[in-house]
Amino acid sequence: MAEAAYEAARSECDTHLIRAADAQADHLIKADGYIFVAPENLAALSGEMKEFFDRCYYPVLGKLEGRPYAQMICAGSDGENAVRQLARIATGWRLKEVQPPMIVNTASQTKEQILAPKTINEKDLATCREVGQALAAGLALGVF
């Protein structure tokens, strides 16, 4: 999902794809906008994504106001709590939501399904590309 959004965004503006574990506060400060992409785990953001927000929250507080963001959640059944959790963090940073949250439901309910690598269907990947291109185009055109 993140790779699809990234590839589409690259055609519009300078774009970086950074894993949550590698992202630093400085990356956030230097960026003009964000697409946060995360798996849901136990009805919440994944630990890696939550750790990123925990680590970067206070160092960037007061430095990102008004910047655009979108979010994409890969969920096994629902994803709504992960969306709410991420939106609350973005609200604290005073980011501006410019796309409705996207939830891809993989319907992974058994242990085997949950642990297996996920394959995102082409329709959902096309939507990921649209989110990436729309955010990047808005930045390039000065809409956001």
N, C-alpha and C. Protein backbone atom coordinates (compact mmCIF):
# COMPACT_ATOMS: atom_id res chain seq x y z
N MET A 1 0.82 -1.18 0.00
CA MET A 1 0.00 0.00 0.00
C MET A 1 0.88 1.25 0.00
N ALA A 2 1.86 1.27 0.87
CA ALA A 2 2.75 2.43 0.95
C ALA A 2 3.55 2.57 -0.34
N GLU A 3 4.02 1.46 -0.88
CA GLU A 3 4.80 1.52 -2.11
C GLU A 3 3.95 2.02 -3.28
N ALA A 4 2.69 1.62 -3.35
CA ALA A 4 1.81 2.07 -4.43
C ALA A 4 1.60 3.58 -4.33
N ALA A 5 1.33 4.08 -3.13
CA ALA A 5 1.14 5.53 -2.95
C ALA A 5 2.43 6.28 -3.27
N TYR A 6 3.54 5.75 -2.83
CA TYR A 6 4.84 6.38 -3.08
C TYR A 6 5.14 6.47 -4.57
N GLU A 7 4.96 5.37 -5.28
CA GLU A 7 5.26 5.38 -6.72
C GLU A 7 4.41 6.40 -7.46
N ALA A 8 3.16 6.52 -7.10
CA ALA A 8 2.28 7.49 -7.76
C ALA A 8 2.66 8.91 -7.38
N ALA A 9 3.03 9.14 -6.15
CA ALA A 9 3.39 10.48 -5.68
C ALA A 9 4.67 10.98 -6.31
N ARG A 10 5.57 10.08 -6.62
CA ARG A 10 6.87 10.47 -7.18
C ARG A 10 6.74 11.24 -8.48
N SER A 11 5.67 11.00 -9.22
CA SER A 11 5.50 11.69 -10.49
C SER A 11 5.09 13.15 -10.30
N GLU A 12 4.71 13.53 -9.09
CA GLU A 12 4.20 14.87 -8.82
C GLU A 12 5.16 15.77 -8.04
N CYS A 13 5.93 15.17 -7.12
CA CYS A 13 6.81 16.00 -6.28
C CYS A 13 7.90 15.12 -5.66
N ASP A 14 8.84 15.77 -5.00
CA ASP A 14 9.91 15.07 -4.29
C ASP A 14 9.27 14.26 -3.17
N THR A 15 9.51 12.96 -3.18
CA THR A 15 8.81 12.04 -2.30
C THR A 15 9.78 11.06 -1.65
N HIS A 16 9.53 10.72 -0.41
CA HIS A 16 10.37 9.75 0.30
C HIS A 16 9.48 8.69 0.94
N LEU A 17 9.94 7.46 0.88
CA LEU A 17 9.25 6.34 1.53
C LEU A 17 10.15 5.88 2.67
N ILE A 18 9.66 6.04 3.90
CA ILE A 18 10.48 5.74 5.08
C ILE A 18 9.69 4.84 6.02
N ARG A 19 10.31 3.73 6.41
CA ARG A 19 9.67 2.84 7.39
C ARG A 19 9.54 3.56 8.73
N ALA A 20 8.50 3.24 9.46
CA ALA A 20 8.27 3.87 10.76
C ALA A 20 9.49 3.69 11.68
N ALA A 21 10.12 2.54 11.64
CA ALA A 21 11.26 2.28 12.51
C ALA A 21 12.45 3.18 12.18
N ASP A 22 12.53 3.65 10.94
CA ASP A 22 13.65 4.48 10.50
C ASP A 22 13.34 5.97 10.49
N ALA A 23 12.08 6.32 10.59
CA ALA A 23 11.67 7.72 10.51
C ALA A 23 12.07 8.47 11.78
N GLN A 24 12.52 9.68 11.58
CA GLN A 24 12.95 10.54 12.69
C GLN A 24 12.14 11.84 12.67
N ALA A 25 12.17 12.55 13.76
CA ALA A 25 11.47 13.83 13.85
C ALA A 25 11.92 14.76 12.73
N ASP A 26 13.18 14.75 12.40
CA ASP A 26 13.70 15.62 11.34
C ASP A 26 13.05 15.33 9.99
N HIS A 27 12.73 14.07 9.72
CA HIS A 27 12.03 13.72 8.47
C HIS A 27 10.67 14.43 8.43
N LEU A 28 9.97 14.41 9.55
CA LEU A 28 8.66 15.06 9.62
C LEU A 28 8.78 16.57 9.44
N ILE A 29 9.76 17.15 10.07
CA ILE A 29 9.94 18.60 9.99
C ILE A 29 10.26 19.03 8.56
N LYS A 30 11.05 18.25 7.84
CA LYS A 30 11.46 18.61 6.48
C LYS A 30 10.37 18.36 5.44
N ALA A 31 9.38 17.54 5.76
CA ALA A 31 8.34 17.17 4.79
C ALA A 31 7.22 18.22 4.76
N ASP A 32 6.63 18.37 3.59
CA ASP A 32 5.51 19.30 3.42
C ASP A 32 4.16 18.63 3.65
N GLY A 33 4.11 17.30 3.61
CA GLY A 33 2.88 16.55 3.80
C GLY A 33 3.21 15.10 4.09
N TYR A 34 2.18 14.33 4.46
CA TYR A 34 2.42 12.97 4.93
C TYR A 34 1.31 12.02 4.49
N ILE A 35 1.71 10.80 4.19
CA ILE A 35 0.76 9.70 4.09
C ILE A 35 1.24 8.66 5.09
N PHE A 36 0.46 8.45 6.12
CA PHE A 36 0.79 7.46 7.14
C PHE A 36 0.10 6.15 6.75
N VAL A 37 0.89 5.10 6.61
CA VAL A 37 0.37 3.79 6.21
C VAL A 37 0.77 2.79 7.30
N ALA A 38 -0.23 2.10 7.84
CA ALA A 38 0.06 1.21 8.96
C ALA A 38 -0.86 0.00 8.96
N PRO A 39 -0.35 -1.11 9.46
CA PRO A 39 -1.25 -2.23 9.72
C PRO A 39 -1.95 -2.04 11.06
N GLU A 40 -3.14 -2.57 11.12
CA GLU A 40 -3.84 -2.65 12.39
C GLU A 40 -3.36 -3.92 13.08
N ASN A 41 -3.18 -3.85 14.38
CA ASN A 41 -2.80 -5.03 15.16
C ASN A 41 -3.56 -4.99 16.47
N LEU A 42 -4.39 -5.99 16.71
CA LEU A 42 -5.20 -6.06 17.92
C LEU A 42 -6.05 -4.80 18.10
N ALA A 43 -6.68 -4.39 17.01
CA ALA A 43 -7.62 -3.25 16.98
C ALA A 43 -6.96 -1.90 17.25
N ALA A 44 -5.66 -1.80 16.98
CA ALA A 44 -4.94 -0.54 17.17
C ALA A 44 -3.83 -0.44 16.14
N LEU A 45 -3.14 0.71 16.13
CA LEU A 45 -1.98 0.83 15.26
C LEU A 45 -0.95 -0.23 15.64
N SER A 46 -0.20 -0.68 14.67
CA SER A 46 0.86 -1.64 14.95
C SER A 46 1.86 -1.04 15.93
N GLY A 47 2.57 -1.89 16.64
CA GLY A 47 3.55 -1.43 17.61
C GLY A 47 4.63 -0.56 16.98
N GLU A 48 5.09 -0.93 15.80
CA GLU A 48 6.14 -0.16 15.13
C GLU A 48 5.66 1.26 14.81
N MET A 49 4.43 1.36 14.32
CA MET A 49 3.90 2.68 13.99
C MET A 49 3.64 3.49 15.26
N LYS A 50 3.12 2.85 16.28
CA LYS A 50 2.87 3.55 17.55
C LYS A 50 4.18 4.02 18.16
N GLU A 51 5.21 3.21 18.07
CA GLU A 51 6.53 3.60 18.60
C GLU A 51 7.06 4.82 17.85
N PHE A 52 6.86 4.87 16.53
CA PHE A 52 7.26 6.03 15.74
C PHE A 52 6.57 7.28 16.26
N PHE A 53 5.26 7.22 16.44
CA PHE A 53 4.53 8.38 16.95
C PHE A 53 4.98 8.74 18.36
N ASP A 54 5.18 7.75 19.22
CA ASP A 54 5.65 8.02 20.58
C ASP A 54 7.01 8.72 20.56
N ARG A 55 7.90 8.26 19.71
CA ARG A 55 9.26 8.79 19.64
C ARG A 55 9.31 10.19 19.05
N CYS A 56 8.45 10.46 18.09
CA CYS A 56 8.52 11.73 17.36
C CYS A 56 7.51 12.78 17.82
N TYR A 57 6.54 12.39 18.60
CA TYR A 57 5.44 13.30 18.91
C TYR A 57 5.93 14.63 19.51
N TYR A 58 6.61 14.58 20.62
CA TYR A 58 7.00 15.82 21.29
C TYR A 58 8.10 16.60 20.58
N PRO A 59 9.08 15.95 19.96
CA PRO A 59 10.09 16.74 19.24
C PRO A 59 9.54 17.58 18.09
N VAL A 60 8.38 17.21 17.52
CA VAL A 60 7.83 18.00 16.41
C VAL A 60 6.60 18.81 16.80
N LEU A 61 6.16 18.67 18.03
CA LEU A 61 4.97 19.38 18.48
C LEU A 61 5.17 20.89 18.30
N GLY A 62 4.22 21.52 17.63
CA GLY A 62 4.30 22.94 17.37
C GLY A 62 5.07 23.30 16.11
N LYS A 63 5.52 22.30 15.36
CA LYS A 63 6.33 22.56 14.17
C LYS A 63 5.70 22.09 12.86
N LEU A 64 4.51 21.47 12.93
CA LEU A 64 3.91 20.88 11.73
C LEU A 64 2.53 21.44 11.40
N GLU A 65 2.05 22.41 12.13
CA GLU A 65 0.68 22.89 12.01
C GLU A 65 0.28 23.17 10.56
N GLY A 66 -0.91 22.67 10.21
CA GLY A 66 -1.50 22.95 8.91
C GLY A 66 -1.01 22.10 7.76
N ARG A 67 -0.05 21.25 7.99
CA ARG A 67 0.45 20.41 6.89
C ARG A 67 -0.58 19.32 6.57
N PRO A 68 -0.69 18.95 5.30
CA PRO A 68 -1.68 17.95 4.91
C PRO A 68 -1.23 16.52 5.23
N TYR A 69 -2.22 15.69 5.50
CA TYR A 69 -1.91 14.27 5.68
C TYR A 69 -3.08 13.42 5.20
N ALA A 70 -2.75 12.19 4.92
CA ALA A 70 -3.73 11.15 4.63
C ALA A 70 -3.27 9.91 5.38
N GLN A 71 -4.19 8.97 5.55
CA GLN A 71 -3.82 7.73 6.22
C GLN A 71 -4.43 6.53 5.53
N MET A 72 -3.68 5.43 5.55
CA MET A 72 -4.15 4.17 4.99
C MET A 72 -3.84 3.08 6.02
N ILE A 73 -4.86 2.30 6.34
CA ILE A 73 -4.74 1.25 7.34
C ILE A 73 -5.05 -0.09 6.68
N CYS A 74 -4.19 -1.06 6.92
CA CYS A 74 -4.45 -2.44 6.47
C CYS A 74 -4.94 -3.21 7.69
N ALA A 75 -6.20 -3.64 7.64
CA ALA A 75 -6.84 -4.27 8.79
C ALA A 75 -7.28 -5.69 8.49
N GLY A 76 -7.41 -6.47 9.54
CA GLY A 76 -7.90 -7.83 9.39
C GLY A 76 -9.41 -7.92 9.40
N SER A 77 -10.05 -6.93 10.01
CA SER A 77 -11.51 -6.97 10.05
C SER A 77 -12.16 -5.60 10.08
N ASP A 78 -11.57 -4.64 10.79
CA ASP A 78 -12.28 -3.39 11.01
C ASP A 78 -11.42 -2.17 10.67
N GLY A 79 -10.41 -1.90 11.45
CA GLY A 79 -9.50 -0.81 11.20
C GLY A 79 -9.91 0.54 11.78
N GLU A 80 -11.16 0.66 12.22
CA GLU A 80 -11.67 1.95 12.67
C GLU A 80 -10.93 2.50 13.89
N ASN A 81 -10.57 1.66 14.83
CA ASN A 81 -9.86 2.15 16.01
C ASN A 81 -8.46 2.65 15.64
N ALA A 82 -7.78 1.95 14.74
CA ALA A 82 -6.47 2.42 14.29
C ALA A 82 -6.60 3.77 13.59
N VAL A 83 -7.64 3.94 12.80
CA VAL A 83 -7.90 5.23 12.14
C VAL A 83 -8.11 6.33 13.18
N ARG A 84 -8.92 6.05 14.18
CA ARG A 84 -9.18 7.05 15.24
C ARG A 84 -7.90 7.39 16.00
N GLN A 85 -7.12 6.36 16.29
CA GLN A 85 -5.88 6.56 17.03
C GLN A 85 -4.92 7.46 16.24
N LEU A 86 -4.75 7.19 14.97
CA LEU A 86 -3.86 8.00 14.15
C LEU A 86 -4.41 9.42 13.99
N ALA A 87 -5.72 9.55 13.80
CA ALA A 87 -6.33 10.86 13.64
C ALA A 87 -6.14 11.72 14.90
N ARG A 88 -6.20 11.10 16.06
CA ARG A 88 -6.00 11.86 17.31
C ARG A 88 -4.58 12.39 17.40
N ILE A 89 -3.63 11.58 16.97
CA ILE A 89 -2.23 12.02 16.96
C ILE A 89 -2.07 13.18 15.98
N ALA A 90 -2.63 13.02 14.79
CA ALA A 90 -2.55 14.08 13.77
C ALA A 90 -3.23 15.36 14.26
N THR A 91 -4.33 15.22 14.99
CA THR A 91 -5.00 16.39 15.55
C THR A 91 -4.10 17.10 16.55
N GLY A 92 -3.40 16.34 17.36
CA GLY A 92 -2.45 16.93 18.31
C GLY A 92 -1.35 17.71 17.61
N TRP A 93 -0.92 17.23 16.46
CA TRP A 93 0.09 17.93 15.66
C TRP A 93 -0.53 19.07 14.84
N ARG A 94 -1.84 19.17 14.84
CA ARG A 94 -2.58 20.17 14.07
C ARG A 94 -2.39 19.99 12.57
N LEU A 95 -2.31 18.71 12.15
CA LEU A 95 -2.24 18.42 10.72
C LEU A 95 -3.62 18.57 10.12
N LYS A 96 -3.67 18.72 8.81
CA LYS A 96 -4.94 18.89 8.09
C LYS A 96 -5.22 17.62 7.28
N GLU A 97 -6.30 16.93 7.62
CA GLU A 97 -6.69 15.75 6.86
C GLU A 97 -7.21 16.18 5.49
N VAL A 98 -6.59 15.67 4.42
CA VAL A 98 -6.98 16.08 3.07
C VAL A 98 -7.59 14.95 2.24
N GLN A 99 -7.63 13.76 2.81
CA GLN A 99 -8.26 12.60 2.18
C GLN A 99 -8.99 11.83 3.28
N PRO A 100 -10.12 11.25 2.97
CA PRO A 100 -10.74 10.39 3.98
C PRO A 100 -9.83 9.20 4.27
N PRO A 101 -9.84 8.69 5.49
CA PRO A 101 -9.02 7.52 5.80
C PRO A 101 -9.37 6.34 4.90
N MET A 102 -8.36 5.63 4.48
CA MET A 102 -8.56 4.44 3.66
C MET A 102 -8.28 3.21 4.52
N ILE A 103 -9.23 2.30 4.56
CA ILE A 103 -9.04 1.04 5.27
C ILE A 103 -9.15 -0.09 4.26
N VAL A 104 -8.11 -0.91 4.19
CA VAL A 104 -8.14 -2.11 3.37
C VAL A 104 -8.36 -3.28 4.32
N ASN A 105 -9.46 -3.97 4.14
CA ASN A 105 -9.82 -5.09 5.01
C ASN A 105 -9.38 -6.39 4.32
N THR A 106 -8.41 -7.07 4.92
CA THR A 106 -7.92 -8.33 4.35
C THR A 106 -8.73 -9.53 4.83
N ALA A 107 -9.65 -9.33 5.75
CA ALA A 107 -10.50 -10.40 6.30
C ALA A 107 -9.66 -11.53 6.89
N SER A 108 -8.54 -11.19 7.47
CA SER A 108 -7.66 -12.18 8.10
C SER A 108 -8.13 -12.44 9.52
N GLN A 109 -8.68 -13.63 9.74
CA GLN A 109 -9.27 -13.93 11.04
C GLN A 109 -8.64 -15.11 11.75
N THR A 110 -8.02 -16.01 11.02
CA THR A 110 -7.38 -17.15 11.67
C THR A 110 -5.91 -16.82 11.93
N LYS A 111 -5.31 -17.57 12.82
CA LYS A 111 -3.89 -17.37 13.13
C LYS A 111 -3.06 -17.45 11.86
N GLU A 112 -3.33 -18.42 11.01
CA GLU A 112 -2.57 -18.59 9.78
C GLU A 112 -2.75 -17.40 8.84
N GLN A 113 -3.97 -16.90 8.71
CA GLN A 113 -4.24 -15.75 7.85
C GLN A 113 -3.57 -14.49 8.39
N ILE A 114 -3.63 -14.33 9.68
CA ILE A 114 -3.06 -13.14 10.31
C ILE A 114 -1.55 -13.11 10.13
N LEU A 115 -0.90 -14.25 10.29
CA LEU A 115 0.56 -14.32 10.20
C LEU A 115 1.08 -14.38 8.76
N ALA A 116 0.23 -14.68 7.82
CA ALA A 116 0.66 -14.81 6.42
C ALA A 116 0.93 -13.44 5.79
N PRO A 117 1.86 -13.38 4.85
CA PRO A 117 2.04 -12.13 4.10
C PRO A 117 0.72 -11.77 3.39
N LYS A 118 0.44 -10.48 3.33
CA LYS A 118 -0.81 -10.03 2.73
C LYS A 118 -0.61 -9.65 1.27
N THR A 119 -1.61 -9.95 0.47
CA THR A 119 -1.65 -9.53 -0.92
C THR A 119 -2.82 -8.55 -1.06
N ILE A 120 -2.51 -7.34 -1.48
CA ILE A 120 -3.53 -6.32 -1.64
C ILE A 120 -4.03 -6.37 -3.08
N ASN A 121 -5.34 -6.41 -3.25
CA ASN A 121 -5.89 -6.54 -4.60
C ASN A 121 -5.65 -5.26 -5.42
N GLU A 122 -5.75 -5.39 -6.72
CA GLU A 122 -5.43 -4.29 -7.63
C GLU A 122 -6.35 -3.09 -7.43
N LYS A 123 -7.61 -3.34 -7.13
CA LYS A 123 -8.54 -2.22 -6.91
C LYS A 123 -8.07 -1.37 -5.73
N ASP A 124 -7.69 -2.01 -4.63
CA ASP A 124 -7.21 -1.27 -3.46
C ASP A 124 -5.87 -0.60 -3.74
N LEU A 125 -5.00 -1.27 -4.49
CA LEU A 125 -3.71 -0.65 -4.84
C LEU A 125 -3.93 0.58 -5.72
N ALA A 126 -4.92 0.51 -6.61
CA ALA A 126 -5.23 1.68 -7.45
C ALA A 126 -5.68 2.85 -6.58
N THR A 127 -6.46 2.56 -5.54
CA THR A 127 -6.89 3.62 -4.63
C THR A 127 -5.70 4.18 -3.86
N CYS A 128 -4.78 3.32 -3.46
CA CYS A 128 -3.55 3.79 -2.79
C CYS A 128 -2.78 4.74 -3.71
N ARG A 129 -2.69 4.37 -4.98
CA ARG A 129 -2.00 5.24 -5.94
C ARG A 129 -2.72 6.58 -6.07
N GLU A 130 -4.04 6.54 -6.09
CA GLU A 130 -4.81 7.79 -6.18
C GLU A 130 -4.56 8.68 -4.97
N VAL A 131 -4.49 8.10 -3.79
CA VAL A 131 -4.22 8.88 -2.58
C VAL A 131 -2.84 9.52 -2.68
N GLY A 132 -1.85 8.74 -3.08
CA GLY A 132 -0.49 9.27 -3.22
C GLY A 132 -0.40 10.37 -4.25
N GLN A 133 -0.99 10.15 -5.40
CA GLN A 133 -0.92 11.14 -6.47
C GLN A 133 -1.68 12.41 -6.09
N ALA A 134 -2.85 12.26 -5.47
CA ALA A 134 -3.65 13.43 -5.11
C ALA A 134 -2.93 14.29 -4.07
N LEU A 135 -2.36 13.68 -3.06
CA LEU A 135 -1.66 14.46 -2.04
C LEU A 135 -0.45 15.16 -2.65
N ALA A 136 0.31 14.42 -3.45
CA ALA A 136 1.50 15.01 -4.07
C ALA A 136 1.13 16.12 -5.05
N ALA A 137 0.09 15.92 -5.83
CA ALA A 137 -0.33 16.95 -6.78
C ALA A 137 -0.79 18.20 -6.03
N GLY A 138 -1.53 18.02 -4.95
CA GLY A 138 -1.96 19.15 -4.14
C GLY A 138 -0.79 19.94 -3.59
N LEU A 139 0.25 19.23 -3.17
CA LEU A 139 1.46 19.91 -2.69
C LEU A 139 2.15 20.64 -3.83
N ALA A 140 2.31 19.96 -4.97
CA ALA A 140 3.00 20.56 -6.12
C ALA A 140 2.29 21.81 -6.63
N LEU A 141 0.97 21.79 -6.58
CA LEU A 141 0.18 22.93 -7.07
C LEU A 141 -0.05 24.01 -6.02
N GLY A 142 0.39 23.75 -4.81
CA GLY A 142 0.21 24.73 -3.74
C GLY A 142 -1.20 24.76 -3.18
N VAL A 143 -1.97 23.72 -3.42
CA VAL A 143 -3.36 23.64 -2.92
C VAL A 143 -3.35 23.49 -1.39
N PHE A 144 -2.38 22.77 -0.87
CA PHE A 144 -2.33 22.53 0.58
C PHE A 144 -1.30 23.45 1.22
